[in-house]
PDB file of N, CA and C in Angstrom:
ATOM      1  N   MET A   1      90.421 117.288 108.341  1.00  0.00           N
ATOM      2  CA  MET A   1      91.191 116.402 107.472  1.00  0.00           C
ATOM      3  C   MET A   1      92.264 117.239 106.780  1.00  0.00           C
ATOM      4  N   ASP A   2      93.485 116.724 106.779  1.00  0.00           N
ATOM      5  CA  ASP A   2      94.562 117.489 106.156  1.00  0.00           C
ATOM      6  C   ASP A   2      94.408 117.473 104.622  1.00  0.00           C
ATOM      7  N   PRO A   3      95.005 118.442 103.933  1.00  0.00           N
ATOM      8  CA  PRO A   3      94.816 118.572 102.481  1.00  0.00           C
ATOM      9  C   PRO A   3      95.223 117.329 101.684  1.00  0.00           C
ATOM     10  N   LEU A   4      96.305 116.668 102.086  1.00  0.00           N
ATOM     11  CA  LEU A   4      96.738 115.478 101.357  1.00  0.00           C
ATOM     12  C   LEU A   4      95.711 114.357 101.502  1.00  0.00           C
ATOM     13  N   ALA A   5      95.225 114.134 102.706  1.00  0.00           N
ATOM     14  CA  ALA A   5      94.229 113.088 102.935  1.00  0.00           C
ATOM     15  C   ALA A   5      92.949 113.392 102.163  1.00  0.00           C
ATOM     16  N   LYS A   6      92.568 114.663 102.130  1.00  0.00           N
ATOM     17  CA  LYS A   6      91.362 115.043 101.387  1.00  0.00           C
ATOM     18  C   LYS A   6      91.549 114.804  99.893  1.00  0.00           C
ATOM     19  N   SER A   7      92.716 115.167  99.365  1.00  0.00           N
ATOM     20  CA  SER A   7      92.996 114.935  97.942  1.00  0.00           C
ATOM     21  C   SER A   7      92.953 113.447  97.613  1.00  0.00           C
ATOM     22  N   LEU A   8      93.543 112.622  98.480  1.00  0.00           N
ATOM     23  CA  LEU A   8      93.536 111.181  98.241  1.00  0.00           C
ATOM     24  C   LEU A   8      92.119 110.619  98.287  1.00  0.00           C
ATOM     25  N   GLU A   9      91.318 111.127  99.215  1.00  0.00           N
ATOM     26  CA  GLU A   9      89.925 110.683  99.290  1.00  0.00           C
ATOM     27  C   GLU A   9      89.156 111.083  98.032  1.00  0.00           C
ATOM     28  N   LEU A  10      89.363 112.321  97.579  1.00  0.00           N
ATOM     29  CA  LEU A  10      88.677 112.780  96.374  1.00  0.00           C
ATOM     30  C   LEU A  10      89.089 111.968  95.152  1.00  0.00           C
ATOM     31  N   ILE A  11      90.370 111.631  95.064  1.00  0.00           N
ATOM     32  CA  ILE A  11      90.839 110.817  93.940  1.00  0.00           C
ATOM     33  C   ILE A  11      90.215 109.425  93.996  1.00  0.00           C
ATOM     34  N   ALA A  12      90.099 108.859  95.195  1.00  0.00           N
ATOM     35  CA  ALA A  12      89.450 107.552  95.342  1.00  0.00           C
ATOM     36  C   ALA A  12      87.976 107.634  94.929  1.00  0.00           C
ATOM     37  N   LEU A  13      87.301 108.703  95.335  1.00  0.00           N
ATOM     38  CA  LEU A  13      85.910 108.897  94.925  1.00  0.00           C
ATOM     39  C   LEU A  13      85.806 109.067  93.424  1.00  0.00           C
ATOM     40  N   TYR A  14      86.736 109.816  92.853  1.00  0.00           N
ATOM     41  CA  TYR A  14      86.753 110.028  91.400  1.00  0.00           C
ATOM     42  C   TYR A  14      86.926 108.700  90.670  1.00  0.00           C
ATOM     43  N   ASP A  15      87.818 107.858  91.162  1.00  0.00           N
ATOM     44  CA  ASP A  15      88.024 106.555  90.529  1.00  0.00           C
ATOM     45  C   ASP A  15      86.734 105.742  90.491  1.00  0.00           C
ATOM     46  N   LEU A  16      85.933 105.860  91.529  1.00  0.00           N
ATOM     47  CA  LEU A  16      84.688 105.104  91.598  1.00  0.00           C
ATOM     48  C   LEU A  16      83.562 105.717  90.766  1.00  0.00           C
ATOM     49  N   TYR A  17      83.474 107.037  90.754  1.00  0.00           N
ATOM     50  CA  TYR A  17      82.291 107.698  90.208  1.00  0.00           C
ATOM     51  C   TYR A  17      82.547 108.543  88.956  1.00  0.00           C
ATOM     52  N   GLN A  18      83.743 108.476  88.374  1.00  0.00           N
ATOM     53  CA  GLN A  18      84.057 109.356  87.260  1.00  0.00           C
ATOM     54  C   GLN A  18      83.111 109.201  86.073  1.00  0.00           C
ATOM     55  N   ASN A  19      82.594 108.014  85.866  1.00  0.00           N
ATOM     56  CA  ASN A  19      81.703 107.806  84.723  1.00  0.00           C
ATOM     57  C   ASN A  19      80.348 108.487  84.896  1.00  0.00           C
ATOM     58  N   LEU A  20      80.075 108.956  86.101  1.00  0.00           N
ATOM     59  CA  LEU A  20      78.821 109.664  86.355  1.00  0.00           C
ATOM     60  C   LEU A  20      78.970 111.180  86.188  1.00  0.00           C
ATOM     61  N   LEU A  21      80.187 111.629  85.899  1.00  0.00           N
ATOM     62  CA  LEU A  21      80.453 113.057  85.717  1.00  0.00           C
ATOM     63  C   LEU A  21      80.432 113.418  84.237  1.00  0.00           C
ATOM     64  N   THR A  22      80.260 114.699  83.968  1.00  0.00           N
ATOM     65  CA  THR A  22      80.318 115.170  82.590  1.00  0.00           C
ATOM     66  C   THR A  22      81.777 115.215  82.117  1.00  0.00           C
ATOM     67  N   ASP A  23      81.971 115.323  80.819  1.00  0.00           N
ATOM     68  CA  ASP A  23      83.330 115.426  80.274  1.00  0.00           C
ATOM     69  C   ASP A  23      84.055 116.642  80.847  1.00  0.00           C
ATOM     70  N   LYS A  24      83.352 117.745  80.952  1.00  0.00           N
ATOM     71  CA  LYS A  24      83.955 118.971  81.473  1.00  0.00           C
ATOM     72  C   LYS A  24      84.362 118.795  82.935  1.00  0.00           C
ATOM     73  N   GLN A  25      83.510 118.176  83.733  1.00  0.00           N
ATOM     74  CA  GLN A  25      83.834 117.932  85.138  1.00  0.00           C
ATOM     75  C   GLN A  25      85.065 117.032  85.258  1.00  0.00           C
ATOM     76  N   ARG A  26      85.099 115.974  84.446  1.00  0.00           N
ATOM     77  CA  ARG A  26      86.259 115.073  84.480  1.00  0.00           C
ATOM     78  C   ARG A  26      87.524 115.807  84.055  1.00  0.00           C
ATOM     79  N   ASN A  27      87.431 116.599  83.006  1.00  0.00           N
ATOM     80  CA  ASN A  27      88.585 117.322  82.488  1.00  0.00           C
ATOM     81  C   ASN A  27      89.156 118.272  83.538  1.00  0.00           C
ATOM     82  N   TYR A  28      88.333 119.103  84.135  1.00  0.00           N
ATOM     83  CA  TYR A  28      88.796 120.062  85.136  1.00  0.00           C
ATOM     84  C   TYR A  28      89.358 119.332  86.364  1.00  0.00           C
ATOM     85  N   PHE A  29      88.660 118.297  86.803  1.00  0.00           N
ATOM     86  CA  PHE A  29      89.118 117.538  87.971  1.00  0.00           C
ATOM     87  C   PHE A  29      90.493 116.927  87.706  1.00  0.00           C
ATOM     88  N   GLU A  30      90.657 116.307  86.553  1.00  0.00           N
ATOM     89  CA  GLU A  30      91.935 115.676  86.221  1.00  0.00           C
ATOM     90  C   GLU A  30      93.049 116.707  86.097  1.00  0.00           C
ATOM     91  N   GLU A  31      92.747 117.854  85.488  1.00  0.00           N
ATOM     92  CA  GLU A  31      93.776 118.884  85.379  1.00  0.00           C
ATOM     93  C   GLU A  31      94.205 119.380  86.761  1.00  0.00           C
ATOM     94  N   TYR A  32      93.253 119.537  87.652  1.00  0.00           N
ATOM     95  CA  TYR A  32      93.560 120.078  88.971  1.00  0.00           C
ATOM     96  C   TYR A  32      94.223 119.035  89.877  1.00  0.00           C
ATOM     97  N   TYR A  33      93.645 117.828  89.946  1.00  0.00           N
ATOM     98  CA  TYR A  33      94.125 116.839  90.916  1.00  0.00           C
ATOM     99  C   TYR A  33      95.200 115.900  90.373  1.00  0.00           C
ATOM    100  N   PHE A  34      95.192 115.610  89.084  1.00  0.00           N
ATOM    101  CA  PHE A  34      96.186 114.679  88.542  1.00  0.00           C
ATOM    102  C   PHE A  34      97.361 115.407  87.892  1.00  0.00           C
ATOM    103  N   ASN A  35      97.065 116.489  87.174  1.00  0.00           N
ATOM    104  CA  ASN A  35      98.128 117.211  86.462  1.00  0.00           C
ATOM    105  C   ASN A  35      98.680 118.380  87.265  1.00  0.00           C
ATOM    106  N   ASP A  36      98.091 118.632  88.423  1.00  0.00           N
ATOM    107  CA  ASP A  36      98.552 119.676  89.346  1.00  0.00           C
ATOM    108  C   ASP A  36      98.517 121.078  88.729  1.00  0.00           C
ATOM    109  N   TYR A  37      97.518 121.320  87.885  1.00  0.00           N
ATOM    110  CA  TYR A  37      97.342 122.658  87.330  1.00  0.00           C
ATOM    111  C   TYR A  37      96.650 123.531  88.373  1.00  0.00           C
ATOM    112  N   SER A  38      96.974 124.793  88.387  1.00  0.00           N
ATOM    113  CA  SER A  38      96.286 125.729  89.272  1.00  0.00           C
ATOM    114  C   SER A  38      94.947 126.123  88.636  1.00  0.00           C
ATOM    115  N   ILE A  39      94.102 126.731  89.432  1.00  0.00           N
ATOM    116  CA  ILE A  39      92.827 127.212  88.897  1.00  0.00           C
ATOM    117  C   ILE A  39      93.078 128.235  87.801  1.00  0.00           C
ATOM    118  N   THR A  40      94.086 129.065  87.989  1.00  0.00           N
ATOM    119  CA  THR A  40      94.429 130.067  86.973  1.00  0.00           C
ATOM    120  C   THR A  40      94.857 129.396  85.679  1.00  0.00           C
ATOM    121  N   GLU A  41      95.703 128.367  85.763  1.00  0.00           N
ATOM    122  CA  GLU A  41      96.157 127.671  84.557  1.00  0.00           C
ATOM    123  C   GLU A  41      94.997 127.006  83.829  1.00  0.00           C
ATOM    124  N   ILE A  42      94.094 126.401  84.578  1.00  0.00           N
ATOM    125  CA  ILE A  42      92.929 125.768  83.953  1.00  0.00           C
ATOM    126  C   ILE A  42      92.068 126.818  83.280  1.00  0.00           C
ATOM    127  N   SER A  43      91.859 127.943  83.954  1.00  0.00           N
ATOM    128  CA  SER A  43      91.020 128.996  83.367  1.00  0.00           C
ATOM    129  C   SER A  43      91.633 129.539  82.084  1.00  0.00           C
ATOM    130  N   GLU A  44      92.949 129.676  82.060  1.00  0.00           N
ATOM    131  CA  GLU A  44      93.617 130.148  80.844  1.00  0.00           C
ATOM    132  C   GLU A  44      93.523 129.110  79.731  1.00  0.00           C
ATOM    133  N   ASN A  45      93.726 127.840  80.066  1.00  0.00           N
ATOM    134  CA  ASN A  45      93.647 126.776  79.053  1.00  0.00           C
ATOM    135  C   ASN A  45      92.239 126.626  78.489  1.00  0.00           C
ATOM    136  N   GLN A  46      91.247 126.842  79.325  1.00  0.00           N
ATOM    137  CA  GLN A  46      89.852 126.658  78.902  1.00  0.00           C
ATOM    138  C   GLN A  46      89.179 127.958  78.478  1.00  0.00           C
ATOM    139  N   THR A  47      89.909 129.038  78.570  1.00  0.00           N
ATOM    140  CA  THR A  47      89.407 130.392  78.269  1.00  0.00           C
ATOM    141  C   THR A  47      88.082 130.687  78.984  1.00  0.00           C
ATOM    142  N   VAL A  48      88.108 130.448  80.302  1.00  0.00           N
ATOM    143  CA  VAL A  48      86.981 130.794  81.166  1.00  0.00           C
ATOM    144  C   VAL A  48      87.546 131.514  82.383  1.00  0.00           C
ATOM    145  N   SER A  49      86.682 132.077  83.185  1.00  0.00           N
ATOM    146  CA  SER A  49      87.146 132.805  84.364  1.00  0.00           C
ATOM    147  C   SER A  49      87.624 131.831  85.442  1.00  0.00           C
ATOM    148  N   ARG A  50      88.448 132.342  86.342  1.00  0.00           N
ATOM    149  CA  ARG A  50      88.910 131.539  87.470  1.00  0.00           C
ATOM    150  C   ARG A  50      87.727 131.117  88.330  1.00  0.00           C
ATOM    151  N   ASN A  51      86.773 132.021  88.465  1.00  0.00           N
ATOM    152  CA  ASN A  51      85.590 131.726  89.265  1.00  0.00           C
ATOM    153  C   ASN A  51      84.791 130.566  88.663  1.00  0.00           C
ATOM    154  N   ALA A  52      84.722 130.519  87.327  1.00  0.00           N
ATOM    155  CA  ALA A  52      84.007 129.425  86.662  1.00  0.00           C
ATOM    156  C   ALA A  52      84.684 128.086  86.952  1.00  0.00           C
ATOM    157  N   VAL A  53      86.004 128.072  86.938  1.00  0.00           N
ATOM    158  CA  VAL A  53      86.745 126.845  87.235  1.00  0.00           C
ATOM    159  C   VAL A  53      86.522 126.451  88.689  1.00  0.00           C
ATOM    160  N   HIS A  54      86.666 127.421  89.580  1.00  0.00           N
ATOM    161  CA  HIS A  54      86.471 127.153  91.005  1.00  0.00           C
ATOM    162  C   HIS A  54      85.076 126.593  91.271  1.00  0.00           C
ATOM    163  N   ASP A  55      84.053 127.218  90.699  1.00  0.00           N
ATOM    164  CA  ASP A  55      82.677 126.772  90.902  1.00  0.00           C
ATOM    165  C   ASP A  55      82.453 125.354  90.368  1.00  0.00           C
ATOM    166  N   LEU A  56      83.005 125.079  89.176  1.00  0.00           N
ATOM    167  CA  LEU A  56      82.821 123.751  88.596  1.00  0.00           C
ATOM    168  C   LEU A  56      83.532 122.690  89.443  1.00  0.00           C
ATOM    169  N   LEU A  57      84.740 122.984  89.904  1.00  0.00           N
ATOM    170  CA  LEU A  57      85.448 122.034  90.761  1.00  0.00           C
ATOM    171  C   LEU A  57      84.680 121.798  92.059  1.00  0.00           C
ATOM    172  N   LYS A  58      84.155 122.854  92.649  1.00  0.00           N
ATOM    173  CA  LYS A  58      83.382 122.712  93.891  1.00  0.00           C
ATOM    174  C   LYS A  58      82.130 121.869  93.665  1.00  0.00           C
ATOM    175  N   ARG A  59      81.426 122.133  92.581  1.00  0.00           N
ATOM    176  CA  ARG A  59      80.225 121.344  92.272  1.00  0.00           C
ATOM    177  C   ARG A  59      80.578 119.885  91.994  1.00  0.00           C
ATOM    178  N   THR A  60      81.705 119.658  91.344  1.00  0.00           N
ATOM    179  CA  THR A  60      82.150 118.291  91.057  1.00  0.00           C
ATOM    180  C   THR A  60      82.461 117.553  92.353  1.00  0.00           C
ATOM    181  N   ILE A  61      83.176 118.206  93.249  1.00  0.00           N
ATOM    182  CA  ILE A  61      83.507 117.599  94.536  1.00  0.00           C
ATOM    183  C   ILE A  61      82.235 117.309  95.333  1.00  0.00           C
ATOM    184  N   ASP A  62      81.320 118.270  95.342  1.00  0.00           N
ATOM    185  CA  ASP A  62      80.044 118.059  96.038  1.00  0.00           C
ATOM    186  C   ASP A  62      79.295 116.865  95.447  1.00  0.00           C
ATOM    187  N   LYS A  63      79.348 116.738  94.132  1.00  0.00           N
ATOM    188  CA  LYS A  63      78.667 115.633  93.456  1.00  0.00           C
ATOM    189  C   LYS A  63      79.315 114.295  93.821  1.00  0.00           C
ATOM    190  N   LEU A  64      80.644 114.258  93.878  1.00  0.00           N
ATOM    191  CA  LEU A  64      81.334 113.024  94.260  1.00  0.00           C
ATOM    192  C   LEU A  64      80.937 112.602  95.673  1.00  0.00           C
ATOM    193  N   TYR A  65      80.909 113.551  96.597  1.00  0.00           N
ATOM    194  CA  TYR A  65      80.494 113.231  97.971  1.00  0.00           C
ATOM    195  C   TYR A  65      79.020 112.825  98.013  1.00  0.00           C
ATOM    196  N   ASP A  66      78.192 113.436  97.195  1.00  0.00           N
ATOM    197  CA  ASP A  66      76.776 113.077  97.139  1.00  0.00           C
ATOM    198  C   ASP A  66      76.609 111.636  96.645  1.00  0.00           C
ATOM    199  N   TYR A  67      77.345 111.270  95.602  1.00  0.00           N
ATOM    200  CA  TYR A  67      77.287 109.890  95.114  1.00  0.00           C
ATOM    201  C   TYR A  67      77.717 108.915  96.207  1.00  0.00           C
ATOM    202  N   GLU A  68      78.789 109.247  96.930  1.00  0.00           N
ATOM    203  CA  GLU A  68      79.265 108.361  97.987  1.00  0.00           C
ATOM    204  C   GLU A  68      78.238 108.259  99.116  1.00  0.00           C
ATOM    205  N   ASN A  69      77.601 109.370  99.462  1.00  0.00           N
ATOM    206  CA  ASN A  69      76.579 109.334 100.511  1.00  0.00           C
ATOM    207  C   ASN A  69      75.397 108.459 100.130  1.00  0.00           C
ATOM    208  N   LYS A  70      75.114 108.376  98.842  1.00  0.00           N
ATOM    209  CA  LYS A  70      73.989 107.566  98.378  1.00  0.00           C
ATOM    210  C   LYS A  70      74.378 106.112  98.108  1.00  0.00           C
ATOM    211  N   LEU A  71      75.573 105.888  97.563  1.00  0.00           N
ATOM    212  CA  LEU A  71      75.956 104.553  97.105  1.00  0.00           C
ATOM    213  C   LEU A  71      76.948 103.824  98.017  1.00  0.00           C
ATOM    214  N   HIS A  72      77.741 104.557  98.770  1.00  0.00           N
ATOM    215  CA  HIS A  72      78.683 103.996  99.756  1.00  0.00           C
ATOM    216  C   HIS A  72      79.723 103.047  99.161  1.00  0.00           C
ATOM    217  N   LEU A  73      80.099 103.235  97.914  1.00  0.00           N
ATOM    218  CA  LEU A  73      81.065 102.329  97.295  1.00  0.00           C
ATOM    219  C   LEU A  73      82.450 102.422  97.930  1.00  0.00           C
ATOM    220  N   LEU A  74      82.898 103.621  98.268  1.00  0.00           N
ATOM    221  CA  LEU A  74      84.213 103.773  98.892  1.00  0.00           C
ATOM    222  C   LEU A  74      84.209 103.174 100.298  1.00  0.00           C
ATOM    223  N   GLU A  75      83.154 103.420 101.027  1.00  0.00           N
ATOM    224  CA  GLU A  75      83.041 102.883 102.389  1.00  0.00           C
ATOM    225  C   GLU A  75      83.073 101.356 102.370  1.00  0.00           C
ATOM    226  N   VAL A  76      82.317 100.754 101.467  1.00  0.00           N
ATOM    227  CA  VAL A  76      82.277  99.293 101.360  1.00  0.00           C
ATOM    228  C   VAL A  76      83.645  98.758 100.927  1.00  0.00           C
ATOM    229  N   SER A  77      84.302  99.458 100.033  1.00  0.00           N
ATOM    230  CA  SER A  77      85.632  99.045  99.580  1.00  0.00           C
ATOM    231  C   SER A  77      86.635  99.059 100.723  1.00  0.00           C
ATOM    232  N   LYS A  78      86.588 100.099 101.548  1.00  0.00           N
ATOM    233  CA  LYS A  78      87.482 100.173 102.708  1.00  0.00           C
ATOM    234  C   LYS A  78      87.196  99.034 103.684  1.00  0.00           C
ATOM    235  N   GLN A  79      85.920  98.770 103.931  1.00  0.00           N
ATOM    236  CA  GLN A  79      85.557  97.686 104.843  1.00  0.00           C
ATOM    237  C   GLN A  79      86.027  96.339 104.308  1.00  0.00           C
ATOM    238  N   ARG A  80      85.862  96.141 103.009  1.00  0.00           N
ATOM    239  CA  ARG A  80      86.295  94.896 102.391  1.00  0.00           C
ATOM    240  C   ARG A  80      87.814  94.736 102.524  1.00  0.00           C
ATOM    241  N   GLY A  81      88.549  95.818 102.304  1.00  0.00           N
ATOM    242  CA  GLY A  81      90.004  95.779 102.445  1.00  0.00           C
ATOM    243  C   GLY A  81      90.431  95.444 103.864  1.00  0.00           C
ATOM    244  N   GLU A  82      89.740  96.019 104.839  1.00  0.00           N
ATOM    245  CA  GLU A  82      90.049  95.717 106.242  1.00  0.00           C
ATOM    246  C   GLU A  82      89.782  94.249 106.566  1.00  0.00           C
ATOM    247  N   LEU A  83      88.671  93.722 106.047  1.00  0.00           N
ATOM    248  CA  LEU A  83      88.368  92.311 106.285  1.00  0.00           C
ATOM    249  C   LEU A  83      89.418  91.398 105.646  1.00  0.00           C
ATOM    250  N   ILE A  84      89.820  91.730 104.438  1.00  0.00           N
ATOM    251  CA  ILE A  84      90.855  90.942 103.750  1.00  0.00           C
ATOM    252  C   ILE A  84      92.144  90.960 104.564  1.00  0.00           C
ATOM    253  N   ASN A  85      92.528  92.138 105.043  1.00  0.00           N
ATOM    254  CA  ASN A  85      93.750  92.246 105.845  1.00  0.00           C
ATOM    255  C   ASN A  85      93.638  91.474 107.158  1.00  0.00           C
ATOM    256  N   ASN A  86      92.465  91.507 107.788  1.00  0.00           N
ATOM    257  CA  ASN A  86      92.264  90.753 109.029  1.00  0.00           C
ATOM    258  C   ASN A  86      92.385  89.254 108.787  1.00  0.00           C
ATOM    259  N   ILE A  87      91.809  88.785 107.703  1.00  0.00           N
ATOM    260  CA  ILE A  87      91.900  87.353 107.385  1.00  0.00           C
ATOM    261  C   ILE A  87      93.350  86.976 107.094  1.00  0.00           C
ATOM    262  N   LYS A  88      94.051  87.831 106.338  1.00  0.00           N
ATOM    263  CA  LYS A  88      95.466  87.557 106.031  1.00  0.00           C
ATOM    264  C   LYS A  88      96.300  87.465 107.307  1.00  0.00           C
ATOM    265  N   ALA A  89      95.998  88.299 108.275  1.00  0.00           N
ATOM    266  CA  ALA A  89      96.758  88.314 109.521  1.00  0.00           C
ATOM    267  C   ALA A  89      96.493  87.080 110.377  1.00  0.00           C
ATOM    268  N   ARG A  90      95.371  86.427 110.146  1.00  0.00           N
ATOM    269  CA  ARG A  90      94.976  85.309 111.006  1.00  0.00           C
ATOM    270  C   ARG A  90      95.183  83.932 110.384  1.00  0.00           C
ATOM    271  N   THR A  91      95.681  83.883 109.157  1.00  0.00           N
ATOM    272  CA  THR A  91      95.850  82.581 108.518  1.00  0.00           C
ATOM    273  C   THR A  91      97.256  82.425 107.962  1.00  0.00           C
ATOM    274  N   THR A  92      97.658  81.186 107.889  1.00  0.00           N
ATOM    275  CA  THR A  92      98.934  80.870 107.242  1.00  0.00           C
ATOM    276  C   THR A  92      98.705  79.953 106.043  1.00  0.00           C
ATOM    277  N   ASP A  93      97.464  79.605 105.788  1.00  0.00           N
ATOM    278  CA  ASP A  93      97.120  78.729 104.663  1.00  0.00           C
ATOM    279  C   ASP A  93      97.422  79.455 103.350  1.00  0.00           C
ATOM    280  N   GLU A  94      98.339  78.888 102.581  1.00  0.00           N
ATOM    281  CA  GLU A  94      98.792  79.532 101.337  1.00  0.00           C
ATOM    282  C   GLU A  94      97.674  79.677 100.305  1.00  0.00           C
ATOM    283  N   GLN A  95      96.788  78.704 100.221  1.00  0.00           N
ATOM    284  CA  GLN A  95      95.680  78.801  99.256  1.00  0.00           C
ATOM    285  C   GLN A  95      94.756  79.959  99.606  1.00  0.00           C
ATOM    286  N   ILE A  96      94.465  80.107 100.871  1.00  0.00           N
ATOM    287  CA  ILE A  96      93.604  81.207 101.305  1.00  0.00           C
ATOM    288  C   ILE A  96      94.298  82.540 101.054  1.00  0.00           C
ATOM    289  N   LEU A  97      95.587  82.629 101.374  1.00  0.00           N
ATOM    290  CA  LEU A  97      96.333  83.868 101.144  1.00  0.00           C
ATOM    291  C   LEU A  97      96.364  84.226  99.662  1.00  0.00           C
ATOM    292  N   GLN A  98      96.526  83.206  98.809  1.00  0.00           N
ATOM    293  CA  GLN A  98      96.537  83.452  97.359  1.00  0.00           C
ATOM    294  C   GLN A  98      95.171  83.950  96.884  1.00  0.00           C
ATOM    295  N   LEU A  99      94.113  83.347  97.376  1.00  0.00           N
ATOM    296  CA  LEU A  99      92.768  83.789  97.007  1.00  0.00           C
ATOM    297  C   LEU A  99      92.505  85.219  97.486  1.00  0.00           C
ATOM    298  N   LEU A 100      92.977  85.556  98.666  1.00  0.00           N
ATOM    299  CA  LEU A 100      92.807  86.911  99.191  1.00  0.00           C
ATOM    300  C   LEU A 100      93.592  87.921  98.345  1.00  0.00           C
ATOM    301  N   ASP A 101      94.780  87.524  97.886  1.00  0.00           N
ATOM    302  CA  ASP A 101      95.542  88.399  96.994  1.00  0.00           C
ATOM    303  C   ASP A 101      94.794  88.636  95.685  1.00  0.00           C
ATOM    304  N   GLU A 102      94.209  87.572  95.149  1.00  0.00           N
ATOM    305  CA  GLU A 102      93.419  87.699  93.919  1.00  0.00           C
ATOM    306  C   GLU A 102      92.207  88.603  94.140  1.00  0.00           C
ATOM    307  N   LEU A 103      91.553  88.439  95.280  1.00  0.00           N
ATOM    308  CA  LEU A 103      90.402  89.261  95.619  1.00  0.00           C
ATOM    309  C   LEU A 103      90.809  90.738  95.739  1.00  0.00           C
ATOM    310  N   SER A 104      91.969  91.001  96.328  1.00  0.00           N
ATOM    311  CA  SER A 104      92.466  92.367  96.444  1.00  0.00           C
ATOM    312  C   SER A 104      92.708  92.996  95.087  1.00  0.00           C
ATOM    313  N   LYS A 105      93.183  92.209  94.135  1.00  0.00           N
ATOM    314  CA  LYS A 105      93.444  92.722  92.779  1.00  0.00           C
ATOM    315  C   LYS A 105      92.143  93.086  92.058  1.00  0.00           C
ATOM    316  N   VAL A 106      91.088  92.320  92.314  1.00  0.00           N
ATOM    317  CA  VAL A 106      89.785  92.621  91.710  1.00  0.00           C
ATOM    318  C   VAL A 106      89.260  93.940  92.249  1.00  0.00           C
ATOM    319  N   GLU A 107      89.541  94.182  93.495  1.00  0.00           N
ATOM    320  CA  GLU A 107      89.107  95.415  94.165  1.00  0.00           C
ATOM    321  C   GLU A 107      89.723  96.553  93.433  1.00  0.00           C
TER     322      GLU A 107
END
């Protein structure tokens, strides 16, 4: 998997499971993936070693994948999106299309 696709997948997992992480895990993850801070910058801001940041990010990523392996929320969301798109492609009924748009927004 290319780095961009992996980052997007991790962000999607984070969106689903962030409430299951500690404050520190969320903080480091957001600084690295959302604010584009380097491991060195995070370590300087948090006054910890680069290795500590690297280890925490790795454990956080492992935890996100572990949650997905157990709960499958991202997988189900992708399947639901594909089904919605398939239905949209096969119908011209405006009421159904409107309901599918509303369903997509809830997702």
